[in-house]
Amino acid sequence: MTAETARVADVERLTDRLWAAVTDRDEPAAVRTVCAAADAGADEEALLLDVVARVQHRVGVEWAADRISVAEEHAASAITDRVVAALAHRRAAVSEPGTRGRVTVACVDGEWHVLPARLLAEVLTGRGWRVDFLGAHTPTPHLIEHVHRTNPVAVLLSASIPTHLPAAHKAVTAVQSLGVPVMVGGAAFGPGGRYARLIQADEWASDARAAADRLAEGLTVPQASRRLQIDDLPHLADQEYTFVRNSRTVLVRQALAALDERWPAMRSYSAVQRERTAEDLAHIVDFLTAALYVDDGALFTTFVAWTADVLTARGVPAHGLALGLSVLAGQLHDFPRALAFLGAAADTLTSAPPVPGIPA
């Protein structure tokens, strides 16, 4: 067995043990598993990124497949967060403060998926940086106030959900206006960081290791001409993004009323079922809004396909989702970009078999 094969086997064993502790809601066992590995000489960065992060990813997969409940997903996430904290406290007890420079790590405004940013902060701390970790959902004015006071060498922003891209764009532009470079990362920025380039972030990183490596090389301070750019998305001139964003509540309410008319079975929904339907419609409008912001229908189509998989796992017919898209298309008939995105997404659902009571 080679050294690399042995390392992979160790990671697999640790991941399985941590998963068992997390799913048993046994926080002490989860903390002991990871800290004992660190005490035995396991690389702390590898524990964070190859073990803890993999377990958290599996939590999300299991929730999407309806194999664990929302409450179980929250409990598991809380335990992995405390495992990270335990490793951080362990390191702090034996390590000196970082000397490589000061950086700020934060989630963009509205982003509550904090673990990726937390893992990045711990990786950077382990590599000798002095890290100000601002946590989840950092309003841009608060971020700017902090940058003014601390003058970091760079700001690293995390976003997992594409609906937060407008907030990310605002934060990137605001920080750059202070002459501080911004690196972004997270699933929100699309395959290969395509949306990071669109909003003109100074750097994009695919994961925490890549971010730490790139930061060590040094980031270029944004030029004054770039800092003064407020809007580099000319497609927004058609106002479709603005209209859909501002009409979110009305669109959802009208879509619910239209579904009542076109899908008689919905009239017998319980209050909880109606609430979940309204939430699903709101998410659809939010992702359509994000797609309009970056002018990329693939963003919306990917979300709709994922939603269809999640609903199917929960016994909700995907054909019902197609009906919801049709209703929204009727409301947005004067908006060609929105109609194109809705149509492309509906095409991905055409293979779903018809369901009695839902018109094709």
Protein backbone atom coordinates (compact mmCIF):
# COMPACT_ATOMS: atom_id res chain seq x y z
CA MET A 1 0.00 0.00 0.00
CA THR A 2 1.44 3.38 -1.00
CA ALA A 3 1.50 6.34 1.38
CA GLU A 4 -1.21 8.09 -0.67
CA THR A 5 -3.41 4.99 -0.62
CA ALA A 6 -3.01 4.78 3.13
CA ARG A 7 -3.88 8.47 3.50
CA VAL A 8 -7.04 8.06 1.44
CA ALA A 9 -8.03 5.03 3.50
CA ASP A 10 -7.50 7.01 6.71
CA VAL A 11 -9.67 9.84 5.36
CA GLU A 12 -12.42 7.39 4.45
CA ARG A 13 -12.35 5.79 7.90
CA LEU A 14 -12.42 9.14 9.66
CA THR A 15 -15.21 10.39 7.42
CA ASP A 16 -17.31 7.30 8.14
CA ARG A 17 -16.72 7.62 11.88
CA LEU A 18 -17.58 11.30 11.90
CA TRP A 19 -20.69 10.67 9.79
CA ALA A 20 -21.85 8.02 12.25
CA ALA A 21 -21.38 10.39 15.19
CA VAL A 22 -23.11 13.26 13.40
CA THR A 23 -26.13 11.20 12.34
CA ASP A 24 -26.40 9.78 15.87
CA ARG A 25 -26.41 13.41 17.09
CA ASP A 26 -23.48 12.51 19.34
CA GLU A 27 -21.50 15.74 19.52
CA PRO A 28 -18.92 14.50 22.07
CA ALA A 29 -18.11 11.51 19.87
CA ALA A 30 -17.81 13.74 16.80
CA VAL A 31 -15.40 16.09 18.58
CA ARG A 32 -13.37 13.21 20.00
CA THR A 33 -13.08 11.57 16.58
CA VAL A 34 -11.54 14.60 14.91
CA CYS A 35 -9.45 15.87 17.82
CA ALA A 36 -8.00 12.41 18.45
CA ALA A 37 -6.94 12.26 14.80
CA ALA A 38 -5.28 15.67 15.16
CA ASP A 39 -3.53 14.54 18.35
CA ALA A 40 -2.25 11.48 16.47
CA GLY A 41 -0.61 13.72 13.88
CA ALA A 42 -3.27 14.08 11.18
CA ASP A 43 -2.96 17.28 9.17
CA GLU A 44 -5.49 19.78 10.54
CA GLU A 45 -6.21 21.34 7.16
CA ALA A 46 -6.94 17.91 5.72
CA LEU A 47 -9.25 17.15 8.64
CA LEU A 48 -11.22 20.31 7.91
CA LEU A 49 -11.42 20.03 4.13
CA ASP A 50 -11.27 16.29 3.47
CA VAL A 51 -13.27 15.02 6.45
CA VAL A 52 -15.52 17.68 8.01
CA ALA A 53 -16.43 19.32 4.70
CA ARG A 54 -17.19 15.93 3.11
CA VAL A 55 -19.49 15.01 5.98
CA GLN A 56 -21.33 18.31 5.67
CA HIS A 57 -21.69 17.81 1.92
CA ARG A 58 -23.17 14.38 2.58
CA VAL A 59 -25.65 15.97 4.99
CA GLY A 60 -26.91 18.16 2.15
CA VAL A 61 -27.15 15.23 -0.23
CA GLU A 62 -29.11 13.17 2.27
CA TRP A 63 -31.52 16.04 2.91
CA ALA A 64 -32.12 16.58 -0.82
CA ALA A 65 -32.85 12.86 -1.21
CA ASP A 66 -35.37 13.08 1.67
CA ARG A 67 -33.43 10.56 3.73
CA ILE A 68 -33.02 12.99 6.65
CA SER A 69 -35.42 15.68 7.85
CA VAL A 70 -34.83 19.41 8.02
CA ALA A 71 -34.43 19.14 11.80
CA GLU A 72 -31.86 16.37 11.41
CA GLU A 73 -30.00 18.44 8.81
CA HIS A 74 -29.89 21.40 11.21
CA ALA A 75 -28.70 19.22 14.08
CA ALA A 76 -25.96 17.68 11.92
CA SER A 77 -24.82 21.10 10.71
CA ALA A 78 -24.64 22.39 14.26
CA ILE A 79 -22.43 19.47 15.26
CA THR A 80 -20.02 19.93 12.34
CA ASP A 81 -19.79 23.62 13.24
CA ARG A 82 -18.81 22.73 16.80
CA VAL A 83 -16.28 20.21 15.54
CA VAL A 84 -14.61 23.01 13.58
CA ALA A 85 -14.69 25.18 16.70
CA ALA A 86 -13.07 22.42 18.74
CA LEU A 87 -10.21 22.13 16.26
CA ALA A 88 -9.81 25.91 16.27
CA HIS A 89 -9.62 26.03 20.07
CA ARG A 90 -7.13 23.18 20.06
CA ARG A 91 -4.84 25.05 17.67
CA ALA A 92 -5.22 28.37 19.48
CA ALA A 93 -3.98 26.77 22.69
CA VAL A 94 -0.63 25.85 21.14
CA SER A 95 -0.08 28.38 18.33
CA GLU A 96 1.09 31.96 18.14
CA PRO A 97 -1.01 34.63 16.36
CA GLY A 98 -0.54 34.84 12.60
CA THR A 99 2.09 37.17 11.17
CA ARG A 100 1.47 37.03 7.40
CA GLY A 101 -0.97 39.93 7.30
CA ARG A 102 -4.57 40.73 8.09
CA VAL A 103 -7.47 39.51 5.96
CA THR A 104 -11.24 39.65 6.29
CA VAL A 105 -13.45 36.64 5.58
CA ALA A 106 -17.24 36.99 5.43
CA CYS A 107 -20.42 35.72 3.85
CA VAL A 108 -22.20 38.23 1.63
CA ASP A 109 -25.39 39.91 2.77
CA GLY A 110 -28.21 37.35 3.00
CA GLU A 111 -25.94 34.27 2.86
CA TRP A 112 -26.51 31.98 5.85
CA HIS A 113 -24.48 28.97 4.66
CA VAL A 114 -21.52 29.83 6.83
CA LEU A 115 -19.45 26.63 6.94
CA PRO A 116 -17.47 27.21 3.69
CA ALA A 117 -16.38 30.63 4.92
CA ARG A 118 -15.64 29.27 8.36
CA LEU A 119 -13.46 26.52 6.91
CA LEU A 120 -11.62 29.09 4.79
CA ALA A 121 -11.00 31.27 7.84
CA GLU A 122 -9.55 28.30 9.73
CA VAL A 123 -7.34 27.27 6.80
CA LEU A 124 -5.95 30.80 6.48
CA THR A 125 -5.38 31.01 10.23
CA GLY A 126 -3.51 27.72 10.09
CA ARG A 127 -1.30 29.11 7.34
CA GLY A 128 -0.29 32.10 9.43
CA TRP A 129 -2.74 34.84 8.46
CA ARG A 130 -4.48 37.08 10.97
CA VAL A 131 -8.12 36.50 10.08
CA ASP A 132 -11.13 38.62 10.95
CA PHE A 133 -14.05 36.25 10.42
CA LEU A 134 -17.31 38.18 10.22
CA GLY A 135 -19.57 35.14 9.86
CA ALA A 136 -22.85 34.70 8.02
CA HIS A 137 -25.05 37.37 6.46
CA THR A 138 -22.69 40.35 6.65
CA PRO A 139 -24.47 43.54 5.49
CA THR A 140 -22.29 45.47 3.07
CA PRO A 141 -22.27 48.70 5.17
CA HIS A 142 -20.99 46.70 8.15
CA LEU A 143 -18.34 45.06 5.98
CA ILE A 144 -17.17 48.44 4.67
CA GLU A 145 -17.04 49.89 8.17
CA HIS A 146 -14.86 46.98 9.26
CA VAL A 147 -12.54 47.33 6.26
CA HIS A 148 -12.17 51.06 7.00
CA ARG A 149 -11.09 50.31 10.56
CA THR A 150 -8.79 47.35 9.93
CA ASN A 151 -7.29 47.97 6.45
CA PRO A 152 -6.87 44.29 5.49
CA VAL A 153 -4.63 43.21 2.63
CA ALA A 154 -7.64 41.45 1.09
CA VAL A 155 -11.30 40.65 1.62
CA LEU A 156 -12.55 37.12 0.88
CA LEU A 157 -16.29 36.76 0.34
CA SER A 158 -18.31 33.55 0.31
CA ALA A 159 -21.69 32.88 -1.29
CA SER A 160 -23.31 29.48 -1.79
CA ILE A 161 -26.63 30.46 -3.36
CA PRO A 162 -26.80 32.39 -6.67
CA THR A 163 -29.70 34.52 -5.44
CA HIS A 164 -27.08 36.43 -3.45
CA LEU A 165 -25.08 37.48 -6.53
CA PRO A 166 -26.50 41.04 -6.59
CA ALA A 167 -25.44 41.47 -2.95
CA ALA A 168 -22.03 39.99 -3.77
CA HIS A 169 -21.62 42.44 -6.66
CA LYS A 170 -22.49 45.35 -4.39
CA ALA A 171 -19.99 44.20 -1.76
CA VAL A 172 -17.20 43.62 -4.28
CA THR A 173 -17.65 47.07 -5.82
CA ALA A 174 -17.80 48.76 -2.41
CA VAL A 175 -14.65 47.07 -1.09
CA GLN A 176 -12.73 47.73 -4.31
CA SER A 177 -13.64 51.43 -4.01
CA LEU A 178 -11.46 51.45 -0.88
CA GLY A 179 -8.51 50.10 -2.83
CA VAL A 180 -8.71 46.63 -1.25
CA PRO A 181 -8.71 43.54 -3.51
CA VAL A 182 -11.56 41.05 -3.24
CA MET A 183 -11.47 37.29 -3.73
CA VAL A 184 -14.75 35.40 -3.97
CA GLY A 185 -15.68 31.76 -3.75
CA GLY A 186 -18.57 29.41 -3.32
CA ALA A 187 -21.16 27.64 -5.47
CA ALA A 188 -23.03 30.90 -6.11
CA PHE A 189 -20.33 32.04 -8.54
CA GLY A 190 -21.04 29.26 -10.99
CA PRO A 191 -18.91 26.68 -12.82
CA GLY A 192 -15.35 27.90 -13.15
CA GLY A 193 -16.25 31.14 -11.35
CA ARG A 194 -18.06 32.57 -14.39
CA TYR A 195 -20.14 34.99 -12.31
CA ALA A 196 -17.09 36.11 -10.33
CA ARG A 197 -15.63 37.40 -13.59
CA LEU A 198 -18.94 38.97 -14.56
CA ILE A 199 -19.08 41.09 -11.39
CA GLN A 200 -15.34 41.83 -11.77
CA ALA A 201 -14.08 40.37 -8.53
CA ASP A 202 -10.29 40.54 -8.41
CA GLU A 203 -9.94 36.81 -7.88
CA TRP A 204 -12.03 33.65 -7.67
CA ALA A 205 -11.04 30.45 -5.89
CA SER A 206 -12.57 27.03 -6.40
CA ASP A 207 -11.99 25.95 -2.79
CA ALA A 208 -10.26 26.93 0.44
CA ARG A 209 -6.88 25.47 -0.55
CA ALA A 210 -6.89 27.36 -3.85
CA ALA A 211 -7.88 30.55 -2.04
CA ALA A 212 -5.05 30.21 0.46
CA ASP A 213 -2.52 29.46 -2.28
CA ARG A 214 -3.62 32.45 -4.35
CA LEU A 215 -3.61 34.77 -1.35
CA ALA A 216 -0.04 33.70 -0.56
CA GLU A 217 0.99 34.82 -4.05
CA GLY A 218 -0.42 38.30 -3.38
CA LEU A 219 -3.46 40.02 -4.84
CA THR A 220 -3.28 43.10 -7.04
CA VAL A 221 -4.86 46.25 -5.65
CA PRO A 222 -7.78 47.27 -7.92
CA GLN A 223 -7.10 50.20 -10.22
CA ALA A 224 -8.95 53.45 -9.61
CA SER A 225 -10.74 53.22 -12.99
CA ARG A 226 -12.18 49.84 -12.01
CA ARG A 227 -13.12 51.00 -8.53
CA LEU A 228 -15.29 53.75 -9.99
CA GLN A 229 -17.38 51.35 -12.09
CA ILE A 230 -20.79 50.95 -10.50
CA ASP A 231 -22.69 48.96 -13.10
CA ASP A 232 -20.88 46.65 -15.52
CA LEU A 233 -23.99 44.67 -16.52
CA PRO A 234 -25.47 46.49 -19.53
CA HIS A 235 -28.23 43.90 -20.02
CA LEU A 236 -29.91 45.29 -16.91
CA ALA A 237 -30.99 48.30 -18.97
CA ASP A 238 -34.11 46.38 -20.04
CA GLN A 239 -35.39 46.59 -16.42
CA GLU A 240 -36.54 42.95 -16.38
CA TYR A 241 -34.39 42.17 -13.36
CA THR A 242 -35.68 45.22 -11.50
CA PHE A 243 -39.32 44.45 -12.28
CA VAL A 244 -39.18 40.80 -11.25
CA ARG A 245 -37.24 41.61 -8.07
CA ASN A 246 -39.65 44.35 -7.04
CA SER A 247 -42.74 42.30 -7.97
CA ARG A 248 -41.76 39.15 -6.07
CA THR A 249 -44.59 39.24 -3.54
CA VAL A 250 -47.24 40.03 -6.16
CA LEU A 251 -45.95 37.34 -8.54
CA VAL A 252 -46.07 34.66 -5.85
CA ARG A 253 -49.56 35.66 -4.70
CA GLN A 254 -50.94 35.75 -8.23
CA ALA A 255 -49.26 32.45 -9.09
CA LEU A 256 -50.91 30.77 -6.10
CA ALA A 257 -54.30 32.08 -7.21
CA ALA A 258 -53.72 30.84 -10.77
CA LEU A 259 -52.69 27.40 -9.53
CA ASP A 260 -55.91 27.22 -7.53
CA GLU A 261 -57.84 27.72 -10.74
CA ARG A 262 -55.79 25.40 -12.97
CA TRP A 263 -55.13 22.64 -10.44
CA PRO A 264 -58.32 21.80 -8.51
CA ALA A 265 -56.49 19.40 -6.20
CA MET A 266 -54.63 22.35 -4.68
CA ARG A 267 -57.86 23.70 -3.23
CA SER A 268 -57.82 20.89 -0.70
CA TYR A 269 -54.25 21.63 0.42
CA SER A 270 -53.69 22.13 4.12
CA ALA A 271 -52.27 25.41 5.40
CA VAL A 272 -48.83 23.78 5.66
CA GLN A 273 -48.99 22.48 2.08
CA ARG A 274 -50.02 25.90 0.78
CA GLU A 275 -47.19 27.51 2.71
CA ARG A 276 -44.66 25.12 1.18
CA THR A 277 -46.08 25.75 -2.30
CA ALA A 278 -45.72 29.48 -1.74
CA GLU A 279 -42.12 28.95 -0.59
CA ASP A 280 -41.35 26.92 -3.71
CA LEU A 281 -42.81 29.65 -5.94
CA ALA A 282 -40.82 32.29 -4.08
CA HIS A 283 -37.61 30.31 -4.63
CA ILE A 284 -38.43 30.00 -8.34
CA VAL A 285 -38.93 33.78 -8.61
CA ASP A 286 -35.71 34.42 -6.66
CA PHE A 287 -33.62 32.21 -8.95
CA LEU A 288 -35.26 33.70 -12.04
CA THR A 289 -34.30 37.11 -10.68
CA ALA A 290 -30.69 35.99 -10.20
CA ALA A 291 -30.59 34.57 -13.74
CA LEU A 292 -31.84 37.88 -15.11
CA TYR A 293 -29.17 39.72 -13.12
CA VAL A 294 -26.32 37.74 -14.68
CA ASP A 295 -28.17 37.11 -17.98
CA ASP A 296 -27.63 33.37 -17.83
CA GLY A 297 -30.58 31.04 -18.30
CA ALA A 298 -28.43 28.06 -17.29
CA LEU A 299 -28.46 29.32 -13.72
CA PHE A 300 -32.27 29.10 -13.64
CA THR A 301 -32.49 25.82 -15.56
CA THR A 302 -30.02 24.15 -13.18
CA PHE A 303 -32.06 25.27 -10.18
CA VAL A 304 -35.32 24.03 -11.69
CA ALA A 305 -33.80 20.62 -12.48
CA TRP A 306 -32.47 20.36 -8.91
CA THR A 307 -35.87 21.40 -7.52
CA ALA A 308 -37.58 18.73 -9.63
CA ASP A 309 -35.26 16.08 -8.15
CA VAL A 310 -35.94 17.28 -4.60
CA LEU A 311 -39.71 17.40 -5.12
CA THR A 312 -39.71 13.96 -6.72
CA ALA A 313 -37.85 12.56 -3.71
CA ARG A 314 -40.67 13.96 -1.58
CA GLY A 315 -43.43 12.49 -3.71
CA VAL A 316 -44.38 15.76 -5.42
CA PRO A 317 -44.82 15.37 -9.21
CA ALA A 318 -42.38 17.34 -11.35
CA HIS A 319 -45.25 18.04 -13.73
CA GLY A 320 -46.66 20.31 -11.04
CA LEU A 321 -43.45 22.31 -11.18
CA ALA A 322 -43.89 22.69 -14.93
CA LEU A 323 -47.37 24.10 -14.31
CA GLY A 324 -45.89 26.65 -11.93
CA LEU A 325 -43.42 27.76 -14.60
CA SER A 326 -46.30 28.08 -17.07
CA VAL A 327 -48.24 30.27 -14.66
CA LEU A 328 -45.23 32.56 -14.15
CA ALA A 329 -44.70 32.76 -17.91
CA GLY A 330 -48.26 34.02 -18.25
CA GLN A 331 -47.55 36.74 -15.71
CA LEU A 332 -44.30 37.78 -17.42
CA HIS A 333 -45.48 37.64 -21.04
CA ASP A 334 -44.03 41.08 -21.81
CA PHE A 335 -40.50 40.19 -20.70
CA PRO A 336 -38.57 38.29 -23.39
CA ARG A 337 -35.52 37.31 -21.33
CA ALA A 338 -37.66 35.99 -18.49
CA LEU A 339 -39.87 34.09 -20.94
CA ALA A 340 -36.83 32.51 -22.60
CA PHE A 341 -35.43 31.37 -19.24
CA LEU A 342 -38.80 29.97 -18.12
CA GLY A 343 -39.24 28.16 -21.43
CA ALA A 344 -35.80 26.59 -21.33
CA ALA A 345 -36.38 25.42 -17.77
CA ALA A 346 -39.78 23.97 -18.69
CA ASP A 347 -38.14 22.03 -21.51
CA THR A 348 -36.02 20.17 -18.96
CA LEU A 349 -39.22 18.90 -17.34
CA THR A 350 -40.96 17.64 -20.49
CA SER A 351 -39.91 14.06 -19.75
CA ALA A 352 -41.95 14.09 -16.55
CA PRO A 353 -45.07 11.94 -16.99
CA PRO A 354 -48.45 13.72 -16.81
CA VAL A 355 -50.27 13.49 -13.50
CA PRO A 356 -54.06 13.12 -13.27
CA GLY A 357 -55.67 16.41 -12.28
CA ILE A 358 -52.84 18.56 -13.65
CA PRO A 359 -53.43 19.90 -17.17
CA ALA A 360 -50.56 19.51 -19.61
